């Protein structure tokens, strides 16, 4: 049975302005494929108000991509964050904050 949620990590914030995520960011987050990334052909950029602030971890990016293709109306919730790693949950059941994506 498929899950209605997926946890994933965002990394690389220290290379993109040392962004520390907050609950406010949940309303402004966008996920965007980065096919020109020379380090990871499956890279997914994380943007806040169109500013690049990090990447979904290489361990999670394929899972996130598949989950987002199967579930079009998604919410995102922040669980923890520092300037090195943030943990989020995508949820396909709730109707609160919708994730914007370019997939």
N, C-alpha and C. Protein backbone atom coordinates (compact mmCIF):
# COMPACT_ATOMS: atom_id res chain seq x y z
N UNK A 1 0.84 -1.18 0.00
CA UNK A 1 0.00 0.00 0.00
C UNK A 1 0.89 1.24 0.00
N UNK A 2 0.67 2.17 -0.93
CA UNK A 2 1.51 3.36 -0.99
C UNK A 2 1.27 4.29 0.20
N UNK A 3 2.31 4.96 0.59
CA UNK A 3 2.24 5.90 1.71
C UNK A 3 1.69 7.24 1.24
N UNK A 4 1.03 7.95 2.15
CA UNK A 4 0.49 9.27 1.86
C UNK A 4 1.46 10.39 2.24
N UNK A 5 2.62 10.03 2.75
CA UNK A 5 3.60 11.04 3.14
C UNK A 5 5.01 10.55 2.84
N UNK A 6 5.93 11.50 2.79
CA UNK A 6 7.34 11.19 2.53
C UNK A 6 8.21 12.20 3.25
N UNK A 7 9.15 11.72 4.04
CA UNK A 7 10.14 12.58 4.68
C UNK A 7 11.35 12.70 3.77
N UNK A 8 11.94 13.90 3.73
CA UNK A 8 13.16 14.10 2.94
C UNK A 8 14.00 15.21 3.57
N UNK A 9 15.29 15.20 3.19
CA UNK A 9 16.23 16.19 3.71
C UNK A 9 16.62 17.19 2.63
N UNK A 10 16.85 18.41 3.06
CA UNK A 10 17.40 19.46 2.21
C UNK A 10 18.79 19.78 2.76
N UNK A 11 19.76 19.86 1.86
CA UNK A 11 21.15 20.09 2.25
C UNK A 11 21.74 21.20 1.38
N UNK A 12 22.99 21.58 1.71
CA UNK A 12 23.72 22.55 0.89
C UNK A 12 23.41 23.99 1.19
N UNK A 13 22.70 24.27 2.27
CA UNK A 13 22.34 25.65 2.57
C UNK A 13 23.57 26.52 2.82
N UNK A 14 24.66 25.92 3.34
CA UNK A 14 25.87 26.71 3.61
C UNK A 14 26.49 27.24 2.32
N UNK A 15 26.15 26.64 1.18
CA UNK A 15 26.65 27.11 -0.10
C UNK A 15 25.71 28.12 -0.77
N UNK A 16 24.55 28.33 -0.15
CA UNK A 16 23.53 29.20 -0.73
C UNK A 16 23.01 30.17 0.33
N UNK A 17 23.90 30.90 0.96
CA UNK A 17 23.51 31.95 1.89
C UNK A 17 23.23 31.53 3.30
N UNK A 18 23.58 30.29 3.70
CA UNK A 18 23.37 29.80 5.06
C UNK A 18 21.91 29.90 5.51
N UNK A 19 21.00 29.62 4.61
CA UNK A 19 19.58 29.71 4.94
C UNK A 19 19.22 28.71 6.03
N UNK A 20 18.50 29.17 7.05
CA UNK A 20 17.90 28.29 8.05
C UNK A 20 16.40 28.37 7.87
N UNK A 21 15.79 27.24 7.57
CA UNK A 21 14.36 27.22 7.29
C UNK A 21 13.56 27.51 8.55
N UNK A 22 12.38 28.10 8.34
CA UNK A 22 11.44 28.36 9.43
C UNK A 22 10.04 27.94 8.95
N UNK A 23 9.09 27.96 9.86
CA UNK A 23 7.72 27.62 9.50
C UNK A 23 7.19 28.56 8.41
N UNK A 24 7.66 29.80 8.38
CA UNK A 24 7.26 30.77 7.35
C UNK A 24 7.60 30.25 5.95
N UNK A 25 8.71 29.58 5.82
CA UNK A 25 9.16 29.09 4.51
C UNK A 25 8.22 28.06 3.89
N UNK A 26 7.42 27.39 4.71
CA UNK A 26 6.50 26.39 4.19
C UNK A 26 5.56 26.98 3.14
N UNK A 27 5.20 28.26 3.29
CA UNK A 27 4.30 28.92 2.36
C UNK A 27 5.00 29.38 1.08
N UNK A 28 6.31 29.39 1.06
CA UNK A 28 7.05 30.00 -0.05
C UNK A 28 8.03 29.06 -0.72
N UNK A 29 7.96 27.79 -0.44
CA UNK A 29 8.95 26.86 -0.96
C UNK A 29 8.56 26.38 -2.36
N UNK A 30 9.56 26.26 -3.21
CA UNK A 30 9.39 25.69 -4.55
C UNK A 30 10.47 24.65 -4.75
N UNK A 31 10.11 23.59 -5.45
CA UNK A 31 11.07 22.55 -5.81
C UNK A 31 11.18 22.56 -7.32
N UNK A 32 12.42 22.50 -7.80
CA UNK A 32 12.65 22.63 -9.24
C UNK A 32 13.76 21.69 -9.68
N UNK A 33 13.50 20.91 -10.73
CA UNK A 33 14.55 20.04 -11.28
C UNK A 33 15.73 20.90 -11.72
N UNK A 34 16.92 20.35 -11.58
CA UNK A 34 18.15 21.04 -12.01
C UNK A 34 18.92 20.10 -12.93
N UNK A 35 18.45 19.94 -14.19
CA UNK A 35 19.06 18.97 -15.10
C UNK A 35 20.49 19.33 -15.52
N UNK A 36 20.90 20.56 -15.31
CA UNK A 36 22.25 20.98 -15.68
C UNK A 36 23.26 20.82 -14.55
N UNK A 37 22.84 20.24 -13.43
CA UNK A 37 23.73 20.04 -12.29
C UNK A 37 24.79 19.00 -12.67
N UNK A 38 26.06 19.39 -12.63
CA UNK A 38 27.14 18.50 -13.06
C UNK A 38 27.44 17.40 -12.04
N UNK A 39 26.97 17.56 -10.80
CA UNK A 39 27.25 16.58 -9.76
C UNK A 39 26.15 15.53 -9.61
N UNK A 40 24.94 15.86 -10.02
CA UNK A 40 23.81 14.95 -9.82
C UNK A 40 22.75 15.20 -10.89
N UNK A 41 22.58 14.25 -11.79
CA UNK A 41 21.60 14.41 -12.89
C UNK A 41 20.17 14.42 -12.38
N UNK A 42 19.93 13.97 -11.15
CA UNK A 42 18.59 13.96 -10.56
C UNK A 42 18.38 15.09 -9.56
N UNK A 43 19.25 16.08 -9.56
CA UNK A 43 19.21 17.16 -8.57
C UNK A 43 17.89 17.92 -8.61
N UNK A 44 17.42 18.27 -7.41
CA UNK A 44 16.23 19.09 -7.25
C UNK A 44 16.60 20.28 -6.38
N UNK A 45 16.49 21.47 -6.96
CA UNK A 45 16.77 22.71 -6.22
C UNK A 45 15.60 23.04 -5.30
N UNK A 46 15.93 23.66 -4.18
CA UNK A 46 14.93 24.18 -3.26
C UNK A 46 15.04 25.69 -3.31
N UNK A 47 13.91 26.35 -3.58
CA UNK A 47 13.88 27.79 -3.69
C UNK A 47 12.89 28.36 -2.68
N UNK A 48 13.26 29.49 -2.09
CA UNK A 48 12.37 30.26 -1.23
C UNK A 48 12.22 31.62 -1.88
N UNK A 49 10.98 31.97 -2.22
CA UNK A 49 10.71 33.22 -2.94
C UNK A 49 11.65 33.37 -4.13
N UNK A 50 11.79 32.30 -4.90
CA UNK A 50 12.61 32.21 -6.11
C UNK A 50 14.11 32.36 -5.88
N UNK A 51 14.56 32.30 -4.62
CA UNK A 51 16.00 32.31 -4.32
C UNK A 51 16.45 30.89 -4.01
N UNK A 52 17.48 30.44 -4.69
CA UNK A 52 18.02 29.09 -4.50
C UNK A 52 18.68 29.01 -3.13
N UNK A 53 18.19 28.11 -2.26
CA UNK A 53 18.72 28.01 -0.90
C UNK A 53 19.30 26.64 -0.56
N UNK A 54 19.13 25.64 -1.42
CA UNK A 54 19.67 24.32 -1.15
C UNK A 54 19.19 23.31 -2.16
N UNK A 55 19.47 22.03 -1.87
CA UNK A 55 19.08 20.92 -2.72
C UNK A 55 18.45 19.83 -1.87
N UNK A 56 17.51 19.10 -2.46
CA UNK A 56 17.06 17.87 -1.81
C UNK A 56 18.24 16.91 -1.85
N UNK A 57 18.48 16.22 -0.76
CA UNK A 57 19.65 15.33 -0.66
C UNK A 57 19.64 14.28 -1.77
N UNK A 58 20.82 13.83 -2.16
CA UNK A 58 20.92 12.82 -3.21
C UNK A 58 20.26 11.51 -2.78
N UNK A 59 20.20 11.26 -1.48
CA UNK A 59 19.54 10.05 -0.98
C UNK A 59 18.03 10.11 -1.17
N UNK A 60 17.48 11.33 -1.28
CA UNK A 60 16.02 11.50 -1.30
C UNK A 60 15.46 12.01 -2.63
N UNK A 61 16.29 12.57 -3.51
CA UNK A 61 15.74 13.28 -4.66
C UNK A 61 14.92 12.41 -5.61
N UNK A 62 15.30 11.18 -5.85
CA UNK A 62 14.53 10.31 -6.74
C UNK A 62 13.19 9.94 -6.10
N UNK A 63 13.21 9.67 -4.78
CA UNK A 63 11.97 9.36 -4.07
C UNK A 63 11.00 10.55 -4.12
N UNK A 64 11.54 11.75 -3.92
CA UNK A 64 10.69 12.95 -3.95
C UNK A 64 10.11 13.14 -5.35
N UNK A 65 10.93 12.99 -6.37
CA UNK A 65 10.46 13.15 -7.74
C UNK A 65 9.32 12.19 -8.05
N UNK A 66 9.47 10.92 -7.69
CA UNK A 66 8.43 9.92 -7.94
C UNK A 66 7.16 10.23 -7.15
N UNK A 67 7.33 10.64 -5.89
CA UNK A 67 6.18 10.96 -5.03
C UNK A 67 5.41 12.14 -5.61
N UNK A 68 6.12 13.15 -6.09
CA UNK A 68 5.46 14.34 -6.62
C UNK A 68 4.77 14.05 -7.95
N UNK A 69 5.29 13.14 -8.72
CA UNK A 69 4.62 12.78 -9.97
C UNK A 69 3.32 12.02 -9.72
N UNK A 70 3.28 11.22 -8.66
CA UNK A 70 2.09 10.43 -8.32
C UNK A 70 1.03 11.27 -7.60
N UNK A 71 1.47 12.30 -6.88
CA UNK A 71 0.58 13.09 -6.03
C UNK A 71 0.70 14.56 -6.41
N UNK A 72 -0.32 15.09 -7.06
CA UNK A 72 -0.22 16.46 -7.57
C UNK A 72 -0.52 17.52 -6.51
N UNK A 73 -1.42 17.26 -5.58
CA UNK A 73 -1.74 18.24 -4.54
C UNK A 73 -1.04 17.84 -3.25
N UNK A 74 0.06 18.53 -2.96
CA UNK A 74 0.89 18.18 -1.82
C UNK A 74 1.05 19.33 -0.86
N UNK A 75 1.16 18.99 0.39
CA UNK A 75 1.49 19.95 1.43
C UNK A 75 2.89 19.63 1.92
N UNK A 76 3.54 20.64 2.50
CA UNK A 76 4.89 20.43 3.03
C UNK A 76 4.93 20.96 4.46
N UNK A 77 5.66 20.23 5.30
CA UNK A 77 5.80 20.63 6.70
C UNK A 77 7.25 20.49 7.12
N UNK A 78 7.76 21.52 7.76
CA UNK A 78 9.13 21.52 8.28
C UNK A 78 9.16 20.80 9.61
N UNK A 79 10.15 19.90 9.78
CA UNK A 79 10.31 19.20 11.05
C UNK A 79 11.51 19.70 11.82
N UNK A 80 12.64 19.93 11.15
CA UNK A 80 13.81 20.44 11.85
C UNK A 80 14.72 21.12 10.84
N UNK A 81 15.56 22.05 11.35
CA UNK A 81 16.45 22.77 10.45
C UNK A 81 17.61 23.38 11.20
N UNK A 82 18.78 23.33 10.57
CA UNK A 82 19.92 24.15 10.96
C UNK A 82 20.57 24.57 9.65
N UNK A 83 21.76 25.12 9.67
CA UNK A 83 22.34 25.62 8.42
C UNK A 83 22.99 24.51 7.59
N UNK A 84 22.86 23.25 8.02
CA UNK A 84 23.43 22.14 7.24
C UNK A 84 22.39 21.18 6.70
N UNK A 85 21.28 21.01 7.40
CA UNK A 85 20.27 20.04 6.97
C UNK A 85 18.90 20.46 7.52
N UNK A 86 17.90 20.31 6.67
CA UNK A 86 16.51 20.52 7.09
C UNK A 86 15.73 19.27 6.73
N UNK A 87 14.78 18.91 7.57
CA UNK A 87 13.94 17.73 7.31
C UNK A 87 12.51 18.22 7.12
N UNK A 88 11.93 17.79 5.99
CA UNK A 88 10.56 18.14 5.64
C UNK A 88 9.73 16.88 5.44
N UNK A 89 8.41 17.06 5.48
CA UNK A 89 7.49 15.99 5.13
C UNK A 89 6.56 16.49 4.03
N UNK A 90 6.45 15.71 2.96
CA UNK A 90 5.43 15.93 1.94
C UNK A 90 4.23 15.08 2.30
N UNK A 91 3.04 15.65 2.19
CA UNK A 91 1.82 14.96 2.57
C UNK A 91 0.81 15.09 1.44
N UNK A 92 0.25 13.99 0.99
CA UNK A 92 -0.73 14.03 -0.09
C UNK A 92 -2.17 14.05 0.41
N UNK A 93 -2.38 14.06 1.71
CA UNK A 93 -3.73 13.98 2.25
C UNK A 93 -4.29 15.31 2.75
N UNK A 94 -3.44 16.21 3.12
CA UNK A 94 -3.87 17.45 3.76
C UNK A 94 -4.16 18.52 2.71
N UNK A 95 -4.83 19.58 3.11
CA UNK A 95 -5.15 20.68 2.20
C UNK A 95 -4.67 22.02 2.74
N UNK A 96 -3.55 22.05 3.41
CA UNK A 96 -3.07 23.28 4.01
C UNK A 96 -2.17 24.07 3.07
N UNK A 97 -0.89 23.78 3.05
CA UNK A 97 0.11 24.55 2.32
C UNK A 97 0.55 23.74 1.11
N UNK A 98 0.29 24.23 -0.06
CA UNK A 98 0.65 23.46 -1.24
C UNK A 98 2.04 23.80 -1.74
N UNK A 99 2.76 22.77 -2.14
CA UNK A 99 4.11 22.91 -2.66
C UNK A 99 4.02 23.30 -4.13
N UNK A 100 4.83 24.28 -4.50
CA UNK A 100 4.93 24.64 -5.90
C UNK A 100 6.10 23.87 -6.47
N UNK A 101 5.94 23.32 -7.66
CA UNK A 101 7.03 22.57 -8.26
C UNK A 101 7.07 22.81 -9.75
N UNK A 102 8.25 22.57 -10.29
CA UNK A 102 8.45 22.65 -11.74
C UNK A 102 8.97 21.30 -12.19
N UNK A 103 8.04 20.35 -12.34
CA UNK A 103 8.38 18.99 -12.78
C UNK A 103 7.69 18.70 -14.09
